[in-house]
Amino acid sequence: MTLPVVAFLGIGLMGRPMALRLAAAGFAPRVWNRSPAKAAALAGSGAVPCADLGQAVTGAAVVVSMLEAGPAVGATIAAALPSLAPGALWIDMSSTRHDEALAFHARLDGHGMRFLDAPVSGGVAGAEGGTLAIMAGGSLHDFNEALPLFGALGSARLVVPAGSGQVAKLCNQLIVGATIHIVAEALLLAQAAGADPAAVREAIRGGFAGSRILDLHGQRMLERNFVAGGQVKSQLKDLHNVLAAAAEAGLALAADSGGHAQLRVDRGRVGWRRPCGSAAGAGADQSGAEIGGRRRPVGVAAAGTRCAVRRYEHVESGLHPTYRSSSGGVLTPRGIGICRPARSH
């Protein structure tokens, strides 16, 4: 079978292993990144680095984008349009808002191009192993055309019209995020009530509470394994996109209350900040803080210290370090744990 000419845009945490999977499958993707060095690093892998976006997409039958968020995807589509071949299929595998995916589809369709929104789940491990869950929105014809490419990356399912892939991804993020939070609370309850949390986890794994989150993240919690596995800004983006999709559908979800997922929204902001006195200055936005990493909210370095943004009190409580905010708080305690408003001081 003759493979199509493929351009792959975005050589980041997920994009790099995905592009390498396509290269290993014989696609010889033309790879491009806004920081050219990341694409150049794939030379010799079977991928073809391109310093120029136009060079990457010219003559490509399929263009795959794996970018940070909707605005980056939109800007890249706009910049690439003059170089795209008529009838080219653009597959956006980034995580964007539903309305953004519909806008990308409309813009490309208006210029004689085709579009699939096909976000993924499975993380870096899934990207490296070719086991990603791919949720695609678009036409059956375009989906079938993309199946050989999807097969090198994981397992794909068409969830019907354009934009539906992003809806499926948001459903995934809603379930996963909420489950991580609840597993953390359950293990904290087990410990606080005097039970062995490891034994409790084993006891409930075979029942209805059993899940991959309990298996994988539950074990990480027990081991106090806080190695970074993603970025807070990505989780915040997904949470905001869930709320936007719900509003668009006329629904009111409780996603911004009760500590949903690993993030809490406090007046629309996540409360991760650089520590006071850090190089970026007190109160600087730490949107790139790593989930499970060692970056801490304002005031953690000196418990109870009043800072420019908020005050946090750091409490070590066995399994889960807890950060409590004097403003009622927002928090992901190093990615795992429970957050509650601090008492007034």
C-alpha atoms as a PDB file:
ATOM      1  CA  MET A   1       0.000   0.000   0.000  1.00  0.00           C
ATOM      2  CA  THR A   2       1.330   3.442  -0.933  1.00  0.00           C
ATOM      3  CA  LEU A   3       1.364   5.672   2.129  1.00  0.00           C
ATOM      4  CA  PRO A   4       0.280   9.311   1.826  1.00  0.00           C
ATOM      5  CA  VAL A   5       2.637  12.242   2.296  1.00  0.00           C
ATOM      6  CA  VAL A   6       2.146  13.292   5.921  1.00  0.00           C
ATOM      7  CA  ALA A   7       3.102  16.516   7.676  1.00  0.00           C
ATOM      8  CA  PHE A   8       3.232  16.368  11.476  1.00  0.00           C
ATOM      9  CA  LEU A   9       3.069  19.706  13.294  1.00  0.00           C
ATOM     10  CA  GLY A  10       4.019  19.966  16.963  1.00  0.00           C
ATOM     11  CA  ILE A  11       6.958  18.021  18.392  1.00  0.00           C
ATOM     12  CA  GLY A  12       6.166  18.371  22.077  1.00  0.00           C
ATOM     13  CA  LEU A  13       5.654  15.970  24.962  1.00  0.00           C
ATOM     14  CA  MET A  14       3.051  13.969  23.025  1.00  0.00           C
ATOM     15  CA  GLY A  15       3.921  14.968  19.482  1.00  0.00           C
ATOM     16  CA  ARG A  16       7.473  13.673  19.570  1.00  0.00           C
ATOM     17  CA  PRO A  17       6.633  10.007  20.328  1.00  0.00           C
ATOM     18  CA  MET A  18       3.648  10.133  17.967  1.00  0.00           C
ATOM     19  CA  ALA A  19       5.821  11.403  15.109  1.00  0.00           C
ATOM     20  CA  LEU A  20       8.385   8.704  15.891  1.00  0.00           C
ATOM     21  CA  ARG A  21       5.639   6.053  15.759  1.00  0.00           C
ATOM     22  CA  LEU A  22       4.617   7.286  12.306  1.00  0.00           C
ATOM     23  CA  ALA A  23       8.245   7.259  11.155  1.00  0.00           C
ATOM     24  CA  ALA A  24       8.673   3.682  12.428  1.00  0.00           C
ATOM     25  CA  ALA A  25       5.516   2.686  10.497  1.00  0.00           C
ATOM     26  CA  GLY A  26       7.066   3.973   7.256  1.00  0.00           C
ATOM     27  CA  PHE A  27       5.181   7.256   6.845  1.00  0.00           C
ATOM     28  CA  ALA A  28       8.377   9.381   6.801  1.00  0.00           C
ATOM     29  CA  PRO A  29       6.456  12.347   8.236  1.00  0.00           C
ATOM     30  CA  ARG A  30       7.627  15.861   7.566  1.00  0.00           C
ATOM     31  CA  VAL A  31       7.965  17.231  11.082  1.00  0.00           C
ATOM     32  CA  TRP A  32       7.698  20.891  12.062  1.00  0.00           C
ATOM     33  CA  ASN A  33       7.732  22.730  15.371  1.00  0.00           C
ATOM     34  CA  ARG A  34       7.650  26.399  16.313  1.00  0.00           C
ATOM     35  CA  SER A  35      10.996  25.740  18.021  1.00  0.00           C
ATOM     36  CA  PRO A  36      12.888  24.218  15.070  1.00  0.00           C
ATOM     37  CA  ALA A  37      15.420  22.377  17.237  1.00  0.00           C
ATOM     38  CA  LYS A  38      12.733  19.962  18.440  1.00  0.00           C
ATOM     39  CA  ALA A  39      11.934  18.924  14.894  1.00  0.00           C
ATOM     40  CA  ALA A  40      15.610  18.807  13.920  1.00  0.00           C
ATOM     41  CA  ALA A  41      16.246  16.363  16.761  1.00  0.00           C
ATOM     42  CA  LEU A  42      14.185  13.739  14.883  1.00  0.00           C
ATOM     43  CA  ALA A  43      16.617  13.634  11.953  1.00  0.00           C
ATOM     44  CA  GLY A  44      17.778  10.072  11.419  1.00  0.00           C
ATOM     45  CA  SER A  45      14.597   8.552  12.854  1.00  0.00           C
ATOM     46  CA  GLY A  46      12.833   8.287   9.493  1.00  0.00           C
ATOM     47  CA  ALA A  47      11.115  11.644   9.976  1.00  0.00           C
ATOM     48  CA  VAL A  48      12.002  14.619   7.772  1.00  0.00           C
ATOM     49  CA  PRO A  49      12.589  17.822   9.794  1.00  0.00           C
ATOM     50  CA  CYS A  50      11.308  21.033   8.207  1.00  0.00           C
ATOM     51  CA  ALA A  51      12.304  24.449   9.515  1.00  0.00           C
ATOM     52  CA  ASP A  52       9.517  26.150   7.561  1.00  0.00           C
ATOM     53  CA  LEU A  53       5.794  25.444   8.001  1.00  0.00           C
ATOM     54  CA  GLY A  54       5.075  25.933   4.311  1.00  0.00           C
ATOM     55  CA  GLN A  55       7.797  23.450   3.416  1.00  0.00           C
ATOM     56  CA  ALA A  56       6.235  20.884   5.745  1.00  0.00           C
ATOM     57  CA  VAL A  57       2.666  21.097   4.419  1.00  0.00           C
ATOM     58  CA  THR A  58       3.229  21.769   0.702  1.00  0.00           C
ATOM     59  CA  GLY A  59       2.065  18.714  -1.220  1.00  0.00           C
ATOM     60  CA  ALA A  60       1.045  16.832   1.945  1.00  0.00           C
ATOM     61  CA  ALA A  61      -2.118  14.757   1.574  1.00  0.00           C
ATOM     62  CA  VAL A  62      -2.525  14.579   5.363  1.00  0.00           C
ATOM     63  CA  VAL A  63      -1.553  17.197   7.946  1.00  0.00           C
ATOM     64  CA  VAL A  64      -1.546  16.188  11.608  1.00  0.00           C
ATOM     65  CA  SER A  65      -1.414  18.868  14.302  1.00  0.00           C
ATOM     66  CA  MET A  66      -0.574  18.133  17.942  1.00  0.00           C
ATOM     67  CA  LEU A  67      -0.355  21.569  19.499  1.00  0.00           C
ATOM     68  CA  GLU A  68      -0.817  23.172  22.881  1.00  0.00           C
ATOM     69  CA  ALA A  69      -4.348  24.538  22.565  1.00  0.00           C
ATOM     70  CA  GLY A  70      -6.971  25.904  20.200  1.00  0.00           C
ATOM     71  CA  PRO A  71      -5.370  29.323  19.588  1.00  0.00           C
ATOM     72  CA  ALA A  72      -2.127  27.661  18.476  1.00  0.00           C
ATOM     73  CA  VAL A  73      -4.053  25.324  16.166  1.00  0.00           C
ATOM     74  CA  GLY A  74      -6.014  28.215  14.668  1.00  0.00           C
ATOM     75  CA  ALA A  75      -2.890  30.279  14.068  1.00  0.00           C
ATOM     76  CA  THR A  76      -1.115  27.330  12.471  1.00  0.00           C
ATOM     77  CA  ILE A  77      -4.048  26.584  10.150  1.00  0.00           C
ATOM     78  CA  ALA A  78      -4.131  30.226   9.089  1.00  0.00           C
ATOM     79  CA  ALA A  79      -0.392  30.242   8.370  1.00  0.00           C
ATOM     80  CA  ALA A  80      -0.519  26.919   6.493  1.00  0.00           C
ATOM     81  CA  LEU A  81      -3.591  27.556   4.331  1.00  0.00           C
ATOM     82  CA  PRO A  82      -1.753  29.178   1.394  1.00  0.00           C
ATOM     83  CA  SER A  83       0.499  26.125   1.090  1.00  0.00           C
ATOM     84  CA  LEU A  84      -2.094  23.376   1.524  1.00  0.00           C
ATOM     85  CA  ALA A  85      -2.950  21.112  -1.395  1.00  0.00           C
ATOM     86  CA  PRO A  86      -6.600  21.135  -2.512  1.00  0.00           C
ATOM     87  CA  GLY A  87      -8.514  18.364  -0.754  1.00  0.00           C
ATOM     88  CA  ALA A  88      -5.836  17.861   1.905  1.00  0.00           C
ATOM     89  CA  LEU A  89      -7.025  16.206   5.120  1.00  0.00           C
ATOM     90  CA  TRP A  90      -6.139  18.087   8.308  1.00  0.00           C
ATOM     91  CA  ILE A  91      -6.294  15.909  11.433  1.00  0.00           C
ATOM     92  CA  ASP A  92      -6.106  17.918  14.644  1.00  0.00           C
ATOM     93  CA  MET A  93      -5.104  15.632  17.510  1.00  0.00           C
ATOM     94  CA  SER A  94      -4.700  18.490  19.989  1.00  0.00           C
ATOM     95  CA  SER A  95      -7.197  19.065  22.800  1.00  0.00           C
ATOM     96  CA  THR A  96      -9.328  22.119  21.973  1.00  0.00           C
ATOM     97  CA  ARG A  97     -12.765  23.476  22.695  1.00  0.00           C
ATOM     98  CA  HIS A  98     -15.717  22.038  20.817  1.00  0.00           C
ATOM     99  CA  ASP A  99     -16.541  25.395  19.220  1.00  0.00           C
ATOM    100  CA  GLU A 100     -12.911  25.787  18.131  1.00  0.00           C
ATOM    101  CA  ALA A 101     -13.012  22.412  16.373  1.00  0.00           C
ATOM    102  CA  LEU A 102     -16.182  23.460  14.547  1.00  0.00           C
ATOM    103  CA  ALA A 103     -14.506  26.709  13.492  1.00  0.00           C
ATOM    104  CA  PHE A 104     -11.439  24.838  12.184  1.00  0.00           C
ATOM    105  CA  HIS A 105     -13.699  22.530  10.199  1.00  0.00           C
ATOM    106  CA  ALA A 106     -15.641  25.439   8.715  1.00  0.00           C
ATOM    107  CA  ARG A 107     -12.506  27.343   7.756  1.00  0.00           C
ATOM    108  CA  LEU A 108     -10.810  24.398   6.074  1.00  0.00           C
ATOM    109  CA  ASP A 109     -14.013  23.298   4.368  1.00  0.00           C
ATOM    110  CA  GLY A 110     -14.423  26.810   2.990  1.00  0.00           C
ATOM    111  CA  HIS A 111     -11.032  26.472   1.289  1.00  0.00           C
ATOM    112  CA  GLY A 112     -11.695  23.025  -0.159  1.00  0.00           C
ATOM    113  CA  MET A 113      -9.896  21.072   2.584  1.00  0.00           C
ATOM    114  CA  ARG A 114     -11.154  18.350   4.893  1.00  0.00           C
ATOM    115  CA  PHE A 115     -10.956  18.102   8.684  1.00  0.00           C
ATOM    116  CA  LEU A 116     -11.067  15.559  11.497  1.00  0.00           C
ATOM    117  CA  ASP A 117     -10.804  16.472  15.156  1.00  0.00           C
ATOM    118  CA  ALA A 118      -9.122  13.454  16.759  1.00  0.00           C
ATOM    119  CA  PRO A 119      -7.851  14.135  20.297  1.00  0.00           C
ATOM    120  CA  VAL A 120      -6.201  11.327  22.197  1.00  0.00           C
ATOM    121  CA  SER A 121      -6.052   9.796  25.658  1.00  0.00           C
ATOM    122  CA  GLY A 122      -3.293   7.633  27.056  1.00  0.00           C
ATOM    123  CA  GLY A 123      -0.527  10.064  27.884  1.00  0.00           C
ATOM    124  CA  VAL A 124       3.113   9.859  26.921  1.00  0.00           C
ATOM    125  CA  ALA A 125       3.248   6.133  27.675  1.00  0.00           C
ATOM    126  CA  GLY A 126       0.376   5.526  25.247  1.00  0.00           C
ATOM    127  CA  ALA A 127       2.031   7.711  22.620  1.00  0.00           C
ATOM    128  CA  GLU A 128       5.303   5.834  22.955  1.00  0.00           C
ATOM    129  CA  GLY A 129       3.658   2.412  22.887  1.00  0.00           C
ATOM    130  CA  GLY A 130       1.133   3.119  20.142  1.00  0.00           C
ATOM    131  CA  THR A 131      -1.788   2.439  22.471  1.00  0.00           C
ATOM    132  CA  LEU A 132      -3.545   5.817  22.417  1.00  0.00           C
ATOM    133  CA  ALA A 133      -7.330   5.995  22.486  1.00  0.00           C
ATOM    134  CA  ILE A 134      -8.248   8.219  19.538  1.00  0.00           C
ATOM    135  CA  MET A 135     -11.673   9.900  19.463  1.00  0.00           C
ATOM    136  CA  ALA A 136     -12.462  11.221  15.987  1.00  0.00           C
ATOM    137  CA  GLY A 137     -15.136  13.610  14.774  1.00  0.00           C
ATOM    138  CA  GLY A 138     -15.855  14.061  11.068  1.00  0.00           C
ATOM    139  CA  SER A 139     -17.023  12.139   8.018  1.00  0.00           C
ATOM    140  CA  LEU A 140     -16.818   8.355   7.719  1.00  0.00           C
ATOM    141  CA  HIS A 141     -14.928   8.707   4.428  1.00  0.00           C
ATOM    142  CA  ASP A 142     -12.216  10.874   5.975  1.00  0.00           C
ATOM    143  CA  PHE A 143     -12.032   8.636   9.049  1.00  0.00           C
ATOM    144  CA  ASN A 144     -11.505   5.545   6.910  1.00  0.00           C
ATOM    145  CA  GLU A 145      -8.785   7.344   4.969  1.00  0.00           C
ATOM    146  CA  ALA A 146      -7.007   8.133   8.240  1.00  0.00           C
ATOM    147  CA  LEU A 147      -7.248   4.621   9.696  1.00  0.00           C
ATOM    148  CA  PRO A 148      -3.773   3.441   8.549  1.00  0.00           C
ATOM    149  CA  LEU A 149      -2.220   6.486  10.243  1.00  0.00           C
ATOM    150  CA  PHE A 150      -4.349   6.041  13.361  1.00  0.00           C
ATOM    151  CA  GLY A 151      -3.339   2.369  13.475  1.00  0.00           C
ATOM    152  CA  ALA A 152       0.287   3.363  14.034  1.00  0.00           C
ATOM    153  CA  LEU A 153      -0.724   5.466  17.024  1.00  0.00           C
ATOM    154  CA  GLY A 154      -3.409   3.458  18.786  1.00  0.00           C
ATOM    155  CA  SER A 155      -7.068   2.531  18.499  1.00  0.00           C
ATOM    156  CA  ALA A 156      -9.492   4.966  16.861  1.00  0.00           C
ATOM    157  CA  ARG A 157     -13.252   5.282  16.981  1.00  0.00           C
ATOM    158  CA  LEU A 158     -15.464   7.642  15.015  1.00  0.00           C
ATOM    159  CA  VAL A 159     -17.884   9.419  17.338  1.00  0.00           C
ATOM    160  CA  VAL A 160     -19.535  11.126  14.386  1.00  0.00           C
ATOM    161  CA  PRO A 161     -19.768  14.766  13.261  1.00  0.00           C
ATOM    162  CA  ALA A 162     -16.977  17.333  13.321  1.00  0.00           C
ATOM    163  CA  GLY A 163     -16.371  18.534  16.877  1.00  0.00           C
ATOM    164  CA  SER A 164     -17.515  15.255  18.438  1.00  0.00           C
ATOM    165  CA  GLY A 165     -13.974  14.054  19.008  1.00  0.00           C
ATOM    166  CA  GLN A 166     -13.335  17.004  21.297  1.00  0.00           C
ATOM    167  CA  VAL A 167     -16.583  16.331  23.154  1.00  0.00           C
ATOM    168  CA  ALA A 168     -15.494  12.730  23.741  1.00  0.00           C
ATOM    169  CA  LYS A 169     -12.103  13.913  25.010  1.00  0.00           C
ATOM    170  CA  LEU A 170     -13.756  16.307  27.450  1.00  0.00           C
ATOM    171  CA  CYS A 171     -15.957  13.478  28.751  1.00  0.00           C
ATOM    172  CA  ASN A 172     -12.794  11.445  29.231  1.00  0.00           C
ATOM    173  CA  GLN A 173     -11.071  14.262  31.130  1.00  0.00           C
ATOM    174  CA  LEU A 174     -14.123  14.858  33.297  1.00  0.00           C
ATOM    175  CA  ILE A 175     -14.253  11.210  34.366  1.00  0.00           C
ATOM    176  CA  VAL A 176     -10.507  10.767  34.815  1.00  0.00           C
ATOM    177  CA  GLY A 177      -9.978  13.995  36.731  1.00  0.00           C
ATOM    178  CA  ALA A 178     -12.899  13.435  39.072  1.00  0.00           C
ATOM    179  CA  THR A 179     -11.849   9.824  39.700  1.00  0.00           C
ATOM    180  CA  ILE A 180      -8.285  10.777  40.630  1.00  0.00           C
ATOM    181  CA  HIS A 181      -9.665  13.238  43.163  1.00  0.00           C
ATOM    182  CA  ILE A 182     -12.070  10.711  44.684  1.00  0.00           C
ATOM    183  CA  VAL A 183      -9.402   7.978  44.897  1.00  0.00           C
ATOM    184  CA  ALA A 184      -7.163  10.419  46.775  1.00  0.00           C
ATOM    185  CA  GLU A 185      -9.986  11.207  49.213  1.00  0.00           C
ATOM    186  CA  ALA A 186     -10.825   7.530  49.712  1.00  0.00           C
ATOM    187  CA  LEU A 187      -7.232   6.596  50.582  1.00  0.00           C
ATOM    188  CA  LEU A 188      -6.948   9.586  52.890  1.00  0.00           C
ATOM    189  CA  LEU A 189     -10.160   8.495  54.639  1.00  0.00           C
ATOM    190  CA  ALA A 190      -8.825   4.960  55.016  1.00  0.00           C
ATOM    191  CA  GLN A 191      -5.668   6.228  56.682  1.00  0.00           C
ATOM    192  CA  ALA A 192      -7.371   8.823  58.869  1.00  0.00           C
ATOM    193  CA  ALA A 193      -9.879   6.244  60.117  1.00  0.00           C
ATOM    194  CA  GLY A 194      -7.111   3.835  61.165  1.00  0.00           C
ATOM    195  CA  ALA A 195      -7.226   1.324  58.318  1.00  0.00           C
ATOM    196  CA  ASP A 196      -4.271   0.305  56.173  1.00  0.00           C
ATOM    197  CA  PRO A 197      -4.804   2.284  52.949  1.00  0.00           C
ATOM    198  CA  ALA A 198      -2.779  -0.215  50.884  1.00  0.00           C
ATOM    199  CA  ALA A 199      -4.914  -3.081  52.152  1.00  0.00           C
ATOM    200  CA  VAL A 200      -8.110  -1.086  51.557  1.00  0.00           C
ATOM    201  CA  ARG A 201      -7.026  -0.432  47.985  1.00  0.00           C
ATOM    202  CA  GLU A 202      -6.420  -4.140  47.389  1.00  0.00           C
ATOM    203  CA  ALA A 203      -9.749  -5.056  48.985  1.00  0.00           C
ATOM    204  CA  ILE A 204     -11.822  -2.770  46.749  1.00  0.00           C
ATOM    205  CA  ARG A 205      -9.971  -3.287  43.460  1.00  0.00           C
ATOM    206  CA  GLY A 206     -12.085  -6.324  42.598  1.00  0.00           C
ATOM    207  CA  GLY A 207     -15.406  -4.571  43.196  1.00  0.00           C
ATOM    208  CA  PHE A 208     -17.285  -1.801  41.441  1.00  0.00           C
ATOM    209  CA  ALA A 209     -14.696   0.722  42.667  1.00  0.00           C
ATOM    210  CA  GLY A 210     -11.995  -0.970  40.619  1.00  0.00           C
ATOM    211  CA  SER A 211     -10.520   1.179  37.848  1.00  0.00           C
ATOM    212  CA  ARG A 212      -7.277   1.998  36.078  1.00  0.00           C
ATOM    213  CA  ILE A 213      -7.121   5.159  38.164  1.00  0.00           C
ATOM    214  CA  LEU A 214      -7.292   3.148  41.389  1.00  0.00           C
ATOM    215  CA  ASP A 215      -4.692   0.741  40.005  1.00  0.00           C
ATOM    216  CA  LEU A 216      -2.171   3.216  38.638  1.00  0.00           C
ATOM    217  CA  HIS A 217      -2.694   6.492  40.489  1.00  0.00           C
ATOM    218  CA  GLY A 218      -3.750   4.773  43.688  1.00  0.00           C
ATOM    219  CA  GLN A 219      -0.412   2.966  43.742  1.00  0.00           C
ATOM    220  CA  ARG A 220       1.446   6.221  43.075  1.00  0.00           C
ATOM    221  CA  MET A 221      -0.360   7.819  46.017  1.00  0.00           C
ATOM    222  CA  LEU A 222       0.593   4.970  48.320  1.00  0.00           C
ATOM    223  CA  GLU A 223       4.211   5.223  47.178  1.00  0.00           C
ATOM    224  CA  ARG A 224       4.136   9.026  47.492  1.00  0.00           C
ATOM    225  CA  ASN A 225       5.369   9.104  43.928  1.00  0.00           C
ATOM    226  CA  PHE A 226       5.129  12.742  42.872  1.00  0.00           C
ATOM    227  CA  VAL A 227       7.112  12.473  39.657  1.00  0.00           C
ATOM    228  CA  ALA A 228       5.585  14.910  37.163  1.00  0.00           C
ATOM    229  CA  GLY A 229       3.221  13.351  34.667  1.00  0.00           C
ATOM    230  CA  GLY A 230       1.720  16.411  33.005  1.00  0.00           C
ATOM    231  CA  GLN A 231       1.164  20.134  33.318  1.00  0.00           C
ATOM    232  CA  VAL A 232      -1.309  22.010  35.482  1.00  0.00           C
ATOM    233  CA  LYS A 233      -2.034  24.372  32.578  1.00  0.00           C
ATOM    234  CA  SER A 234      -3.220  21.433  30.481  1.00  0.00           C
ATOM    235  CA  GLN A 235      -5.588  20.259  33.208  1.00  0.00           C
ATOM    236  CA  LEU A 236      -6.891  23.794  33.682  1.00  0.00           C
ATOM    237  CA  LYS A 237      -7.434  24.149  29.940  1.00  0.00           C
ATOM    238  CA  ASP A 238      -9.431  20.900  29.853  1.00  0.00           C
ATOM    239  CA  LEU A 239     -11.535  21.944  32.847  1.00  0.00           C
ATOM    240  CA  HIS A 240     -12.346  25.275  31.245  1.00  0.00           C
ATOM    241  CA  ASN A 241     -13.181  23.496  27.985  1.00  0.00           C
ATOM    242  CA  VAL A 242     -15.554  21.148  29.828  1.00  0.00           C
ATOM    243  CA  LEU A 243     -17.388  24.120  31.303  1.00  0.00           C
ATOM    244  CA  ALA A 244     -17.493  25.889  27.933  1.00  0.00           C
ATOM    245  CA  ALA A 245     -18.935  22.806  26.214  1.00  0.00           C
ATOM    246  CA  ALA A 246     -21.513  22.396  28.974  1.00  0.00           C
ATOM    247  CA  ALA A 247     -22.587  26.029  28.675  1.00  0.00           C
ATOM    248  CA  GLU A 248     -22.812  25.658  24.900  1.00  0.00           C
ATOM    249  CA  ALA A 249     -25.079  22.628  25.392  1.00  0.00           C
ATOM    250  CA  GLY A 250     -27.226  24.444  27.970  1.00  0.00           C
ATOM    251  CA  LEU A 251     -26.000  22.343  30.902  1.00  0.00           C
ATOM    252  CA  ALA A 252     -24.812  23.379  34.349  1.00  0.00           C
ATOM    253  CA  LEU A 253     -22.194  20.892  35.563  1.00  0.00           C
ATOM    254  CA  ALA A 254     -20.704  20.806  39.035  1.00  0.00           C
ATOM    255  CA  ALA A 255     -17.211  20.688  37.553  1.00  0.00           C
ATOM    256  CA  ASP A 256     -16.134  23.857  39.343  1.00  0.00           C
ATOM    257  CA  SER A 257     -17.256  22.765  42.814  1.00  0.00           C
ATOM    258  CA  GLY A 258     -16.367  19.995  45.214  1.00  0.00           C
ATOM    259  CA  GLY A 259     -12.730  19.774  44.162  1.00  0.00           C
ATOM    260  CA  HIS A 260     -13.391  18.181  40.749  1.00  0.00           C
ATOM    261  CA  ALA A 261     -10.290  16.682  39.133  1.00  0.00           C
ATOM    262  CA  GLN A 262      -6.921  17.801  40.463  1.00  0.00           C
ATOM    263  CA  LEU A 263      -7.760  21.444  40.097  1.00  0.00           C
ATOM    264  CA  ARG A 264     -10.106  23.838  41.765  1.00  0.00           C
ATOM    265  CA  VAL A 265     -11.364  27.003  40.229  1.00  0.00           C
ATOM    266  CA  ASP A 266     -11.441  30.049  42.456  1.00  0.00           C
ATOM    267  CA  ARG A 267     -12.976  33.026  40.656  1.00  0.00           C
ATOM    268  CA  GLY A 268     -11.875  31.394  37.421  1.00  0.00           C
ATOM    269  CA  ARG A 269      -8.215  31.105  38.381  1.00  0.00           C
ATOM    270  CA  VAL A 270      -6.106  28.164  39.463  1.00  0.00           C
ATOM    271  CA  GLY A 271      -4.126  28.869  42.592  1.00  0.00           C
ATOM    272  CA  TRP A 272      -0.724  27.585  41.626  1.00  0.00           C
ATOM    273  CA  ARG A 273       1.847  30.357  41.995  1.00  0.00           C
ATOM    274  CA  ARG A 274       5.598  30.591  42.279  1.00  0.00           C
ATOM    275  CA  PRO A 275       6.877  30.638  45.881  1.00  0.00           C
ATOM    276  CA  CYS A 276       7.393  34.096  47.353  1.00  0.00           C
ATOM    277  CA  GLY A 277      10.784  35.481  46.504  1.00  0.00           C
ATOM    278  CA  SER A 278      11.198  33.237  43.469  1.00  0.00           C
ATOM    279  CA  ALA A 279      13.063  34.461  40.416  1.00  0.00           C
ATOM    280  CA  ALA A 280       9.795  35.369  38.732  1.00  0.00           C
ATOM    281  CA  GLY A 281       8.675  37.438  41.697  1.00  0.00           C
ATOM    282  CA  ALA A 282       6.027  36.932  44.328  1.00  0.00           C
ATOM    283  CA  GLY A 283       2.654  36.048  42.905  1.00  0.00           C
ATOM    284  CA  ALA A 284       3.890  35.365  39.362  1.00  0.00           C
ATOM    285  CA  ASP A 285       1.632  33.033  37.406  1.00  0.00           C
ATOM    286  CA  GLN A 286       2.874  29.452  37.470  1.00  0.00           C
ATOM    287  CA  SER A 287       0.677  28.140  34.683  1.00  0.00           C
ATOM    288  CA  GLY A 288       3.329  25.626  33.678  1.00  0.00           C
ATOM    289  CA  ALA A 289       3.698  23.987  37.097  1.00  0.00           C
ATOM    290  CA  GLU A 290       3.938  20.237  36.792  1.00  0.00           C
ATOM    291  CA  ILE A 291       1.286  17.954  38.216  1.00  0.00           C
ATOM    292  CA  GLY A 292       2.995  15.798  40.796  1.00  0.00           C
ATOM    293  CA  GLY A 293       6.078  18.004  40.633  1.00  0.00           C
ATOM    294  CA  ARG A 294       7.801  19.838  43.407  1.00  0.00           C
ATOM    295  CA  ARG A 295       6.724  23.368  42.602  1.00  0.00           C
ATOM    296  CA  ARG A 296       4.698  24.801  45.413  1.00  0.00           C
ATOM    297  CA  PRO A 297       1.945  27.371  45.832  1.00  0.00           C
ATOM    298  CA  VAL A 298       2.613  30.737  47.436  1.00  0.00           C
ATOM    299  CA  GLY A 299       3.499  30.504  51.111  1.00  0.00           C
ATOM    300  CA  VAL A 300       4.368  26.818  51.254  1.00  0.00           C
ATOM    301  CA  ALA A 301       8.054  27.523  51.811  1.00  0.00           C
ATOM    302  CA  ALA A 302       7.147  29.243  55.065  1.00  0.00           C
ATOM    303  CA  ALA A 303       3.824  27.961  56.294  1.00  0.00           C
ATOM    304  CA  GLY A 304       1.361  30.730  56.947  1.00  0.00           C
ATOM    305  CA  THR A 305       3.480  33.406  55.251  1.00  0.00           C
ATOM    306  CA  ARG A 306       1.362  36.186  53.779  1.00  0.00           C
ATOM    307  CA  CYS A 307       2.229  36.784  50.138  1.00  0.00           C
ATOM    308  CA  ALA A 308       1.157  39.080  47.337  1.00  0.00           C
ATOM    309  CA  VAL A 309      -1.519  36.716  46.020  1.00  0.00           C
ATOM    310  CA  ARG A 310      -2.749  34.412  48.750  1.00  0.00           C
ATOM    311  CA  ARG A 311      -1.614  32.726  51.913  1.00  0.00           C
ATOM    312  CA  TYR A 312      -1.341  28.969  52.061  1.00  0.00           C
ATOM    313  CA  GLU A 313      -0.859  26.691  55.003  1.00  0.00           C
ATOM    314  CA  HIS A 314       1.059  23.492  54.327  1.00  0.00           C
ATOM    315  CA  VAL A 315      -0.075  20.432  56.254  1.00  0.00           C
ATOM    316  CA  GLU A 316       1.626  17.053  55.965  1.00  0.00           C
ATOM    317  CA  SER A 317      -1.073  14.455  56.565  1.00  0.00           C
ATOM    318  CA  GLY A 318       0.486  11.092  55.871  1.00  0.00           C
ATOM    319  CA  LEU A 319      -0.457  10.069  52.353  1.00  0.00           C
ATOM    320  CA  HIS A 320      -1.241  13.457  50.944  1.00  0.00           C
ATOM    321  CA  PRO A 321       0.371  16.850  51.537  1.00  0.00           C
ATOM    322  CA  THR A 322      -2.462  19.348  51.803  1.00  0.00           C
ATOM    323  CA  TYR A 323      -2.401  23.043  50.912  1.00  0.00           C
ATOM    324  CA  ARG A 324      -5.068  25.234  52.421  1.00  0.00           C
ATOM    325  CA  SER A 325      -5.772  28.756  51.262  1.00  0.00           C
ATOM    326  CA  SER A 326      -6.920  31.602  53.456  1.00  0.00           C
ATOM    327  CA  SER A 327      -9.093  32.739  50.536  1.00  0.00           C
ATOM    328  CA  GLY A 328     -10.933  29.419  50.302  1.00  0.00           C
ATOM    329  CA  GLY A 329      -8.658  27.988  47.921  1.00  0.00           C
ATOM    330  CA  VAL A 330      -7.837  26.226  44.724  1.00  0.00           C
ATOM    331  CA  LEU A 331      -5.363  23.652  44.765  1.00  0.00           C
ATOM    332  CA  THR A 332      -3.631  20.664  43.576  1.00  0.00           C
ATOM    333  CA  PRO A 333      -1.412  19.420  46.348  1.00  0.00           C
ATOM    334  CA  ARG A 334       1.517  18.295  44.238  1.00  0.00           C
ATOM    335  CA  GLY A 335      -1.019  16.653  42.011  1.00  0.00           C
ATOM    336  CA  ILE A 336      -2.403  14.279  44.640  1.00  0.00           C
ATOM    337  CA  GLY A 337      -4.408  15.055  47.720  1.00  0.00           C
ATOM    338  CA  ILE A 338      -7.220  16.994  49.270  1.00  0.00           C
ATOM    339  CA  CYS A 339      -7.664  20.745  49.585  1.00  0.00           C
ATOM    340  CA  ARG A 340      -9.924  22.530  52.001  1.00  0.00           C
ATOM    341  CA  PRO A 341     -10.375  26.197  52.933  1.00  0.00           C
ATOM    342  CA  ALA A 342      -8.142  27.234  55.810  1.00  0.00           C
ATOM    343  CA  ARG A 343      -9.604  28.540  59.046  1.00  0.00           C
ATOM    344  CA  SER A 344      -9.612  32.322  59.377  1.00  0.00           C
ATOM    345  CA  HIS A 345      -6.485  33.777  60.951  1.00  0.00           C
END
